[in-house]
PDB file of all heavy atoms in Angstrom:
ATOM      1  N   THR A   1       5.657   7.978  28.105  1.00  0.00           N
ATOM      2  CA  THR A   1       4.923   7.386  29.178  1.00  0.00           C
ATOM      3  C   THR A   1       5.692   7.432  30.485  1.00  0.00           C
ATOM      4  O   THR A   1       6.841   7.052  30.549  1.00  0.00           O
ATOM      5  CB  THR A   1       4.473   5.926  28.854  1.00  0.00           C
ATOM      6  OG1 THR A   1       3.800   5.952  27.605  1.00  0.00           O
ATOM      7  CG2 THR A   1       3.588   5.294  29.979  1.00  0.00           C
ATOM      8  N   GLY A   2       5.029   7.834  31.585  1.00  0.00           N
ATOM      9  CA  GLY A   2       5.631   7.818  32.868  1.00  0.00           C
ATOM     10  C   GLY A   2       5.323   6.520  33.668  1.00  0.00           C
ATOM     11  O   GLY A   2       4.571   5.640  33.138  1.00  0.00           O
ATOM     12  N   ASP A   3       5.906   6.373  34.821  1.00  0.00           N
ATOM     13  CA  ASP A   3       5.663   5.158  35.564  1.00  0.00           C
ATOM     14  C   ASP A   3       4.600   5.287  36.632  1.00  0.00           C
ATOM     15  O   ASP A   3       4.401   4.438  37.405  1.00  0.00           O
ATOM     16  CB  ASP A   3       6.951   4.693  36.256  1.00  0.00           C
ATOM     17  CG  ASP A   3       7.654   5.711  37.060  1.00  0.00           C
ATOM     18  OD1 ASP A   3       7.034   6.808  37.300  1.00  0.00           O
ATOM     19  OD2 ASP A   3       8.751   5.479  37.543  1.00  0.00           O
ATOM     20  N   ARG A   4       3.962   6.537  36.664  1.00  0.00           N
ATOM     21  CA  ARG A   4       2.998   6.860  37.705  1.00  0.00           C
ATOM     22  C   ARG A   4       2.222   8.040  37.238  1.00  0.00           C
ATOM     23  O   ARG A   4       2.675   8.876  36.433  1.00  0.00           O
ATOM     24  CB  ARG A   4       3.700   7.143  38.979  1.00  0.00           C
ATOM     25  CG  ARG A   4       2.775   7.216  40.283  1.00  0.00           C
ATOM     26  CD  ARG A   4       3.635   7.320  41.484  1.00  0.00           C
ATOM     27  NE  ARG A   4       2.752   7.418  42.736  1.00  0.00           N
ATOM     28  CZ  ARG A   4       2.183   6.331  43.286  1.00  0.00           C
ATOM     29  NH1 ARG A   4       2.239   5.177  42.812  1.00  0.00           N
ATOM     30  NH2 ARG A   4       1.384   6.627  44.349  1.00  0.00           N
ATOM     31  N   PHE A   5       0.977   8.187  37.640  1.00  0.00           N
ATOM     32  CA  PHE A   5       0.165   9.277  37.305  1.00  0.00           C
ATOM     33  C   PHE A   5       0.424  10.487  38.250  1.00  0.00           C
ATOM     34  O   PHE A   5       0.691  10.228  39.439  1.00  0.00           O
ATOM     35  CB  PHE A   5      -1.367   8.917  37.356  1.00  0.00           C
ATOM     36  CG  PHE A   5      -1.801   7.949  36.284  1.00  0.00           C
ATOM     37  CD1 PHE A   5      -1.842   6.613  36.530  1.00  0.00           C
ATOM     38  CD2 PHE A   5      -2.167   8.449  35.047  1.00  0.00           C
ATOM     39  CE1 PHE A   5      -2.296   5.756  35.563  1.00  0.00           C
ATOM     40  CE2 PHE A   5      -2.578   7.607  34.047  1.00  0.00           C
ATOM     41  CZ  PHE A   5      -2.646   6.222  34.268  1.00  0.00           C
ATOM     42  N   GLY A   6       0.209  11.654  37.806  1.00  0.00           N
ATOM     43  CA  GLY A   6       0.351  12.910  38.546  1.00  0.00           C
ATOM     44  C   GLY A   6       1.725  13.478  38.519  1.00  0.00           C
ATOM     45  O   GLY A   6       2.478  13.290  37.528  1.00  0.00           O
ATOM     46  N   TYR A   7       2.075  14.236  39.540  1.00  0.00           N
ATOM     47  CA  TYR A   7       3.398  14.898  39.658  1.00  0.00           C
ATOM     48  C   TYR A   7       4.448  13.967  40.203  1.00  0.00           C
ATOM     49  O   TYR A   7       4.158  12.952  40.822  1.00  0.00           O
ATOM     50  CB  TYR A   7       3.214  16.160  40.575  1.00  0.00           C
ATOM     51  CG  TYR A   7       2.298  17.180  40.099  1.00  0.00           C
ATOM     52  CD1 TYR A   7       1.070  17.311  40.727  1.00  0.00           C
ATOM     53  CD2 TYR A   7       2.716  18.082  39.118  1.00  0.00           C
ATOM     54  CE1 TYR A   7       0.140  18.269  40.242  1.00  0.00           C
ATOM     55  CE2 TYR A   7       1.795  19.066  38.709  1.00  0.00           C
ATOM     56  CZ  TYR A   7       0.557  19.179  39.255  1.00  0.00           C
ATOM     57  OH  TYR A   7      -0.366  20.168  38.858  1.00  0.00           O
ATOM     58  N   ASP A   8       5.637  14.359  39.938  1.00  0.00           N
ATOM     59  CA  ASP A   8       6.777  13.610  40.621  1.00  0.00           C
ATOM     60  C   ASP A   8       7.244  14.426  41.739  1.00  0.00           C
ATOM     61  O   ASP A   8       6.674  15.419  42.167  1.00  0.00           O
ATOM     62  CB  ASP A   8       7.903  13.359  39.525  1.00  0.00           C
ATOM     63  CG  ASP A   8       8.615  14.639  39.058  1.00  0.00           C
ATOM     64  OD1 ASP A   8       8.166  15.759  39.462  1.00  0.00           O
ATOM     65  OD2 ASP A   8       9.456  14.519  38.227  1.00  0.00           O
ATOM     66  N   GLY A   9       8.381  14.036  42.368  1.00  0.00           N
ATOM     67  CA  GLY A   9       8.912  14.758  43.413  1.00  0.00           C
ATOM     68  C   GLY A   9       8.138  14.781  44.720  1.00  0.00           C
ATOM     69  O   GLY A   9       8.241  15.724  45.549  1.00  0.00           O
ATOM     70  N   GLY A  10       7.361  13.717  44.998  1.00  0.00           N
ATOM     71  CA  GLY A  10       6.689  13.641  46.221  1.00  0.00           C
ATOM     72  C   GLY A  10       5.412  14.435  46.311  1.00  0.00           C
ATOM     73  O   GLY A  10       4.810  14.569  47.385  1.00  0.00           O
ATOM     74  N   ARG A  11       4.977  15.007  45.204  1.00  0.00           N
ATOM     75  CA  ARG A  11       3.702  15.745  45.142  1.00  0.00           C
ATOM     76  C   ARG A  11       2.577  14.834  44.775  1.00  0.00           C
ATOM     77  O   ARG A  11       2.728  13.632  44.674  1.00  0.00           O
ATOM     78  CB  ARG A  11       3.850  16.962  44.214  1.00  0.00           C
ATOM     79  CG  ARG A  11       4.904  17.984  44.558  1.00  0.00           C
ATOM     80  CD  ARG A  11       5.280  18.916  43.478  1.00  0.00           C
ATOM     81  NE  ARG A  11       5.898  18.214  42.371  1.00  0.00           N
ATOM     82  CZ  ARG A  11       5.992  18.722  41.145  1.00  0.00           C
ATOM     83  NH1 ARG A  11       5.430  19.918  40.881  1.00  0.00           N
ATOM     84  NH2 ARG A  11       6.603  18.081  40.171  1.00  0.00           N
ATOM     85  N   ALA A  12       1.342  15.466  44.544  1.00  0.00           N
ATOM     86  CA  ALA A  12       0.167  14.718  44.360  1.00  0.00           C
ATOM     87  C   ALA A  12       0.386  13.648  43.161  1.00  0.00           C
ATOM     88  O   ALA A  12       0.771  14.117  42.098  1.00  0.00           O
ATOM     89  CB  ALA A  12      -0.970  15.626  44.054  1.00  0.00           C
ATOM     90  N   SER A  13       0.077  12.396  43.383  1.00  0.00           N
ATOM     91  CA  SER A  13       0.228  11.412  42.455  1.00  0.00           C
ATOM     92  C   SER A  13      -0.568  10.196  42.816  1.00  0.00           C
ATOM     93  O   SER A  13      -1.190  10.201  43.831  1.00  0.00           O
ATOM     94  CB  SER A  13       1.727  10.971  42.229  1.00  0.00           C
ATOM     95  OG  SER A  13       2.174  10.405  43.487  1.00  0.00           O
ATOM     96  N   GLY A  14      -0.618   9.184  42.013  1.00  0.00           N
ATOM     97  CA  GLY A  14      -1.336   8.020  42.323  1.00  0.00           C
ATOM     98  C   GLY A  14      -1.059   6.862  41.204  1.00  0.00           C
ATOM     99  O   GLY A  14      -0.527   7.065  40.225  1.00  0.00           O
ATOM    100  N   ALA A  15      -1.431   5.625  41.606  1.00  0.00           N
ATOM    101  CA  ALA A  15      -1.255   4.436  40.812  1.00  0.00           C
ATOM    102  C   ALA A  15      -2.283   4.508  39.632  1.00  0.00           C
ATOM    103  O   ALA A  15      -2.048   3.879  38.624  1.00  0.00           O
ATOM    104  CB  ALA A  15      -1.369   3.227  41.638  1.00  0.00           C
ATOM    105  N   THR A  16      -3.384   5.156  39.856  1.00  0.00           N
ATOM    106  CA  THR A  16      -4.413   5.357  38.813  1.00  0.00           C
ATOM    107  C   THR A  16      -4.613   6.865  38.548  1.00  0.00           C
ATOM    108  O   THR A  16      -4.326   7.717  39.361  1.00  0.00           O
ATOM    109  CB  THR A  16      -5.751   4.749  39.140  1.00  0.00           C
ATOM    110  OG1 THR A  16      -6.257   5.459  40.292  1.00  0.00           O
ATOM    111  CG2 THR A  16      -5.555   3.308  39.628  1.00  0.00           C
ATOM    112  N   TRP A  17      -5.202   7.163  37.299  1.00  0.00           N
ATOM    113  CA  TRP A  17      -5.490   8.543  37.027  1.00  0.00           C
ATOM    114  C   TRP A  17      -6.527   9.113  37.971  1.00  0.00           C
ATOM    115  O   TRP A  17      -6.469  10.277  38.400  1.00  0.00           O
ATOM    116  CB  TRP A  17      -5.878   8.721  35.609  1.00  0.00           C
ATOM    117  CG  TRP A  17      -6.175  10.098  35.134  1.00  0.00           C
ATOM    118  CD1 TRP A  17      -7.309  10.505  34.482  1.00  0.00           C
ATOM    119  CD2 TRP A  17      -5.469  11.278  35.325  1.00  0.00           C
ATOM    120  NE1 TRP A  17      -7.295  11.884  34.183  1.00  0.00           N
ATOM    121  CE2 TRP A  17      -6.113  12.340  34.668  1.00  0.00           C
ATOM    122  CE3 TRP A  17      -4.175  11.533  35.896  1.00  0.00           C
ATOM    123  CZ2 TRP A  17      -5.588  13.627  34.671  1.00  0.00           C
ATOM    124  CZ3 TRP A  17      -3.691  12.824  35.915  1.00  0.00           C
ATOM    125  CH2 TRP A  17      -4.403  13.873  35.280  1.00  0.00           C
ATOM    126  N   ARG A  18      -7.555   8.353  38.336  1.00  0.00           N
ATOM    127  CA  ARG A  18      -8.551   8.796  39.237  1.00  0.00           C
ATOM    128  C   ARG A  18      -7.895   9.191  40.605  1.00  0.00           C
ATOM    129  O   ARG A  18      -8.221  10.263  41.150  1.00  0.00           O
ATOM    130  CB  ARG A  18      -9.597   7.780  39.566  1.00  0.00           C
ATOM    131  CG  ARG A  18     -10.744   8.235  40.373  1.00  0.00           C
ATOM    132  CD  ARG A  18     -11.390   7.131  41.213  1.00  0.00           C
ATOM    133  NE  ARG A  18     -12.005   6.099  40.453  1.00  0.00           N
ATOM    134  CZ  ARG A  18     -12.974   5.330  40.879  1.00  0.00           C
ATOM    135  NH1 ARG A  18     -13.475   5.461  42.105  1.00  0.00           N
ATOM    136  NH2 ARG A  18     -13.413   4.376  40.091  1.00  0.00           N
ATOM    137  N   ALA A  19      -6.940   8.327  41.093  1.00  0.00           N
ATOM    138  CA  ALA A  19      -6.406   8.564  42.414  1.00  0.00           C
ATOM    139  C   ALA A  19      -5.514   9.806  42.282  1.00  0.00           C
ATOM    140  O   ALA A  19      -5.566  10.635  43.221  1.00  0.00           O
ATOM    141  CB  ALA A  19      -5.529   7.354  42.824  1.00  0.00           C
ATOM    142  N   ALA A  20      -4.782   9.958  41.209  1.00  0.00           N
ATOM    143  CA  ALA A  20      -3.892  11.177  41.081  1.00  0.00           C
ATOM    144  C   ALA A  20      -4.627  12.428  40.915  1.00  0.00           C
ATOM    145  O   ALA A  20      -4.341  13.437  41.617  1.00  0.00           O
ATOM    146  CB  ALA A  20      -2.921  10.982  39.865  1.00  0.00           C
ATOM    147  N   PHE A  21      -5.670  12.433  40.152  1.00  0.00           N
ATOM    148  CA  PHE A  21      -6.509  13.573  39.890  1.00  0.00           C
ATOM    149  C   PHE A  21      -7.218  14.056  41.193  1.00  0.00           C
ATOM    150  O   PHE A  21      -7.276  15.231  41.518  1.00  0.00           O
ATOM    151  CB  PHE A  21      -7.497  13.321  38.748  1.00  0.00           C
ATOM    152  CG  PHE A  21      -8.348  14.579  38.389  1.00  0.00           C
ATOM    153  CD1 PHE A  21      -7.629  15.588  37.681  1.00  0.00           C
ATOM    154  CD2 PHE A  21      -9.611  14.697  38.754  1.00  0.00           C
ATOM    155  CE1 PHE A  21      -8.434  16.702  37.285  1.00  0.00           C
ATOM    156  CE2 PHE A  21     -10.370  15.838  38.366  1.00  0.00           C
ATOM    157  CZ  PHE A  21      -9.760  16.805  37.569  1.00  0.00           C
ATOM    158  N   THR A  22      -7.764  13.039  41.910  1.00  0.00           N
ATOM    159  CA  THR A  22      -8.400  13.350  43.204  1.00  0.00           C
ATOM    160  C   THR A  22      -7.366  13.932  44.198  1.00  0.00           C
ATOM    161  O   THR A  22      -7.636  14.969  44.904  1.00  0.00           O
ATOM    162  CB  THR A  22      -9.011  12.103  43.787  1.00  0.00           C
ATOM    163  OG1 THR A  22      -9.896  11.607  42.958  1.00  0.00           O
ATOM    164  CG2 THR A  22      -9.679  12.443  45.108  1.00  0.00           C
ATOM    165  N   ALA A  23      -6.134  13.451  44.147  1.00  0.00           N
ATOM    166  CA  ALA A  23      -5.120  13.947  45.051  1.00  0.00           C
ATOM    167  C   ALA A  23      -4.680  15.417  44.651  1.00  0.00           C
ATOM    168  O   ALA A  23      -4.418  16.253  45.505  1.00  0.00           O
ATOM    169  CB  ALA A  23      -3.840  13.072  44.992  1.00  0.00           C
ATOM    170  N   MET A  24      -4.688  15.665  43.334  1.00  0.00           N
ATOM    171  CA  MET A  24      -4.381  17.051  42.819  1.00  0.00           C
ATOM    172  C   MET A  24      -5.465  18.022  43.397  1.00  0.00           C
ATOM    173  O   MET A  24      -5.202  19.104  43.779  1.00  0.00           O
ATOM    174  CB  MET A  24      -4.284  17.011  41.323  1.00  0.00           C
ATOM    175  CG  MET A  24      -3.067  16.349  40.809  1.00  0.00           C
ATOM    176  SD  MET A  24      -3.146  15.789  39.120  1.00  0.00           S
ATOM    177  CE  MET A  24      -3.653  17.331  38.270  1.00  0.00           C
ATOM    178  N   LEU A  25      -6.741  17.629  43.257  1.00  0.00           N
ATOM    179  CA  LEU A  25      -7.809  18.495  43.776  1.00  0.00           C
ATOM    180  C   LEU A  25      -7.701  18.623  45.278  1.00  0.00           C
ATOM    181  O   LEU A  25      -7.992  19.796  45.725  1.00  0.00           O
ATOM    182  CB  LEU A  25      -9.177  17.825  43.302  1.00  0.00           C
ATOM    183  CG  LEU A  25      -9.478  17.866  41.769  1.00  0.00           C
ATOM    184  CD1 LEU A  25     -10.834  17.143  41.615  1.00  0.00           C
ATOM    185  CD2 LEU A  25      -9.628  19.369  41.276  1.00  0.00           C
ATOM    186  N   ASP A  26      -7.457  17.577  45.992  1.00  0.00           N
ATOM    187  CA  ASP A  26      -7.398  17.607  47.447  1.00  0.00           C
ATOM    188  C   ASP A  26      -6.256  18.693  47.824  1.00  0.00           C
ATOM    189  O   ASP A  26      -6.438  19.445  48.813  1.00  0.00           O
ATOM    190  CB  ASP A  26      -7.159  16.322  48.015  1.00  0.00           C
ATOM    191  CG  ASP A  26      -8.382  15.465  48.063  1.00  0.00           C
ATOM    192  OD1 ASP A  26      -9.503  15.995  47.973  1.00  0.00           O
ATOM    193  OD2 ASP A  26      -8.287  14.222  48.227  1.00  0.00           O
ATOM    194  N   ALA A  27      -5.112  18.638  47.025  1.00  0.00           N
ATOM    195  CA  ALA A  27      -4.050  19.573  47.390  1.00  0.00           C
ATOM    196  C   ALA A  27      -4.503  20.955  47.235  1.00  0.00           C
ATOM    197  O   ALA A  27      -4.179  21.851  48.012  1.00  0.00           O
ATOM    198  CB  ALA A  27      -2.862  19.267  46.570  1.00  0.00           C
ATOM    199  N   LEU A  28      -5.264  21.254  46.136  1.00  0.00           N
ATOM    200  CA  LEU A  28      -5.793  22.575  45.886  1.00  0.00           C
ATOM    201  C   LEU A  28      -6.731  23.055  46.992  1.00  0.00           C
ATOM    202  O   LEU A  28      -6.786  24.212  47.379  1.00  0.00           O
ATOM    203  CB  LEU A  28      -6.384  22.699  44.512  1.00  0.00           C
ATOM    204  CG  LEU A  28      -5.356  22.655  43.338  1.00  0.00           C
ATOM    205  CD1 LEU A  28      -6.211  22.755  42.024  1.00  0.00           C
ATOM    206  CD2 LEU A  28      -4.481  23.889  43.430  1.00  0.00           C
ATOM    207  N   LEU A  29      -7.661  22.156  47.404  1.00  0.00           N
ATOM    208  CA  LEU A  29      -8.524  22.396  48.497  1.00  0.00           C
ATOM    209  C   LEU A  29      -7.823  22.775  49.780  1.00  0.00           C
ATOM    210  O   LEU A  29      -8.214  23.648  50.474  1.00  0.00           O
ATOM    211  CB  LEU A  29      -9.501  21.245  48.704  1.00  0.00           C
ATOM    212  CG  LEU A  29     -10.578  21.019  47.591  1.00  0.00           C
ATOM    213  CD1 LEU A  29     -11.275  19.660  47.800  1.00  0.00           C
ATOM    214  CD2 LEU A  29     -11.518  22.112  47.473  1.00  0.00           C
ATOM    215  N   ALA A  30      -6.716  21.942  50.059  1.00  0.00           N
ATOM    216  CA  ALA A  30      -5.952  22.303  51.203  1.00  0.00           C
ATOM    217  C   ALA A  30      -5.231  23.614  51.134  1.00  0.00           C
ATOM    218  O   ALA A  30      -5.120  24.401  52.012  1.00  0.00           O
ATOM    219  CB  ALA A  30      -4.889  21.182  51.516  1.00  0.00           C
ATOM    220  N   ASP A  31      -4.702  23.956  49.912  1.00  0.00           N
ATOM    221  CA  ASP A  31      -4.153  25.286  49.696  1.00  0.00           C
ATOM    222  C   ASP A  31      -5.163  26.377  49.919  1.00  0.00           C
ATOM    223  O   ASP A  31      -4.907  27.411  50.466  1.00  0.00           O
ATOM    224  CB  ASP A  31      -3.621  25.384  48.203  1.00  0.00           C
ATOM    225  CG  ASP A  31      -2.350  24.471  48.100  1.00  0.00           C
ATOM    226  OD1 ASP A  31      -1.590  24.370  48.998  1.00  0.00           O
ATOM    227  OD2 ASP A  31      -2.217  24.026  46.886  1.00  0.00           O
ATOM    228  N   ALA A  32      -6.390  26.160  49.413  1.00  0.00           N
ATOM    229  CA  ALA A  32      -7.515  27.131  49.589  1.00  0.00           C
ATOM    230  C   ALA A  32      -7.729  27.487  51.062  1.00  0.00           C
ATOM    231  O   ALA A  32      -7.924  28.577  51.483  1.00  0.00           O
ATOM    232  CB  ALA A  32      -8.721  26.708  48.869  1.00  0.00           C
ATOM    233  N   ALA A  33      -7.709  26.364  51.835  1.00  0.00           N
ATOM    234  CA  ALA A  33      -7.922  26.571  53.298  1.00  0.00           C
ATOM    235  C   ALA A  33      -6.752  27.266  53.941  1.00  0.00           C
ATOM    236  O   ALA A  33      -6.955  28.212  54.732  1.00  0.00           O
ATOM    237  CB  ALA A  33      -8.071  25.197  53.974  1.00  0.00           C
ATOM    238  N   ASP A  34      -5.547  26.995  53.497  1.00  0.00           N
ATOM    239  CA  ASP A  34      -4.314  27.624  54.012  1.00  0.00           C
ATOM    240  C   ASP A  34      -4.356  29.107  53.725  1.00  0.00           C
ATOM    241  O   ASP A  34      -3.882  29.942  54.559  1.00  0.00           O
ATOM    242  CB  ASP A  34      -3.029  26.988  53.458  1.00  0.00           C
ATOM    243  CG  ASP A  34      -2.819  25.564  53.972  1.00  0.00           C
ATOM    244  OD1 ASP A  34      -3.502  25.166  54.973  1.00  0.00           O
ATOM    245  OD2 ASP A  34      -1.927  24.895  53.419  1.00  0.00           O
ATOM    246  N   TRP A  35      -4.783  29.469  52.541  1.00  0.00           N
ATOM    247  CA  TRP A  35      -4.656  30.903  52.071  1.00  0.00           C
ATOM    248  C   TRP A  35      -6.039  31.613  52.196  1.00  0.00           C
ATOM    249  O   TRP A  35      -6.170  32.740  51.773  1.00  0.00           O
ATOM    250  CB  TRP A  35      -4.322  30.937  50.584  1.00  0.00           C
ATOM    251  CG  TRP A  35      -2.915  30.514  50.392  1.00  0.00           C
ATOM    252  CD1 TRP A  35      -2.383  29.267  50.096  1.00  0.00           C
ATOM    253  CD2 TRP A  35      -1.722  31.344  50.335  1.00  0.00           C
ATOM    254  NE1 TRP A  35      -1.041  29.354  49.993  1.00  0.00           N
ATOM    255  CE2 TRP A  35      -0.608  30.619  50.031  1.00  0.00           C
ATOM    256  CE3 TRP A  35      -1.622  32.794  50.459  1.00  0.00           C
ATOM    257  CZ2 TRP A  35       0.673  31.161  49.941  1.00  0.00           C
ATOM    258  CZ3 TRP A  35      -0.249  33.351  50.387  1.00  0.00           C
ATOM    259  CH2 TRP A  35       0.781  32.486  50.114  1.00  0.00           C
ATOM    260  N   ASP A  36      -7.043  30.926  52.869  1.00  0.00           N
ATOM    261  CA  ASP A  36      -8.333  31.510  53.160  1.00  0.00           C
ATOM    262  C   ASP A  36      -8.962  31.995  51.913  1.00  0.00           C
ATOM    263  O   ASP A  36      -9.566  33.141  51.776  1.00  0.00           O
ATOM    264  CB  ASP A  36      -8.170  32.678  54.181  1.00  0.00           C
ATOM    265  CG  ASP A  36      -9.441  33.054  54.815  1.00  0.00           C
ATOM    266  OD1 ASP A  36     -10.430  32.246  54.850  1.00  0.00           O
ATOM    267  OD2 ASP A  36      -9.562  34.251  55.179  1.00  0.00           O
ATOM    268  N   VAL A  37      -9.013  31.188  50.862  1.00  0.00           N
ATOM    269  CA  VAL A  37      -9.624  31.500  49.616  1.00  0.00           C
ATOM    270  C   VAL A  37     -11.123  30.951  49.582  1.00  0.00           C
ATOM    271  O   VAL A  37     -11.336  29.715  49.882  1.00  0.00           O
ATOM    272  CB  VAL A  37      -8.798  30.922  48.424  1.00  0.00           C
ATOM    273  CG1 VAL A  37      -9.544  31.184  47.122  1.00  0.00           C
ATOM    274  CG2 VAL A  37      -7.358  31.453  48.422  1.00  0.00           C
ATOM    275  N   THR A  38     -11.921  31.843  49.305  1.00  0.00           N
ATOM    276  CA  THR A  38     -13.389  31.416  49.215  1.00  0.00           C
ATOM    277  C   THR A  38     -13.619  30.758  47.880  1.00  0.00           C
ATOM    278  O   THR A  38     -13.303  31.296  46.775  1.00  0.00           O
ATOM    279  CB  THR A  38     -14.318  32.559  49.412  1.00  0.00           C
ATOM    280  OG1 THR A  38     -14.045  33.185  50.645  1.00  0.00           O
ATOM    281  CG2 THR A  38     -15.807  32.218  49.268  1.00  0.00           C
TER     282      THR A  38
END
């Protein structure tokens, strides 16, 4: 068991699984915009 949901090292995470999972999706959406992925 970890002490937080999501990734460590300052990447997408959250105090709840909903918050962490949403942050993970938001990071991918931002990546898609950066790389111009449809």
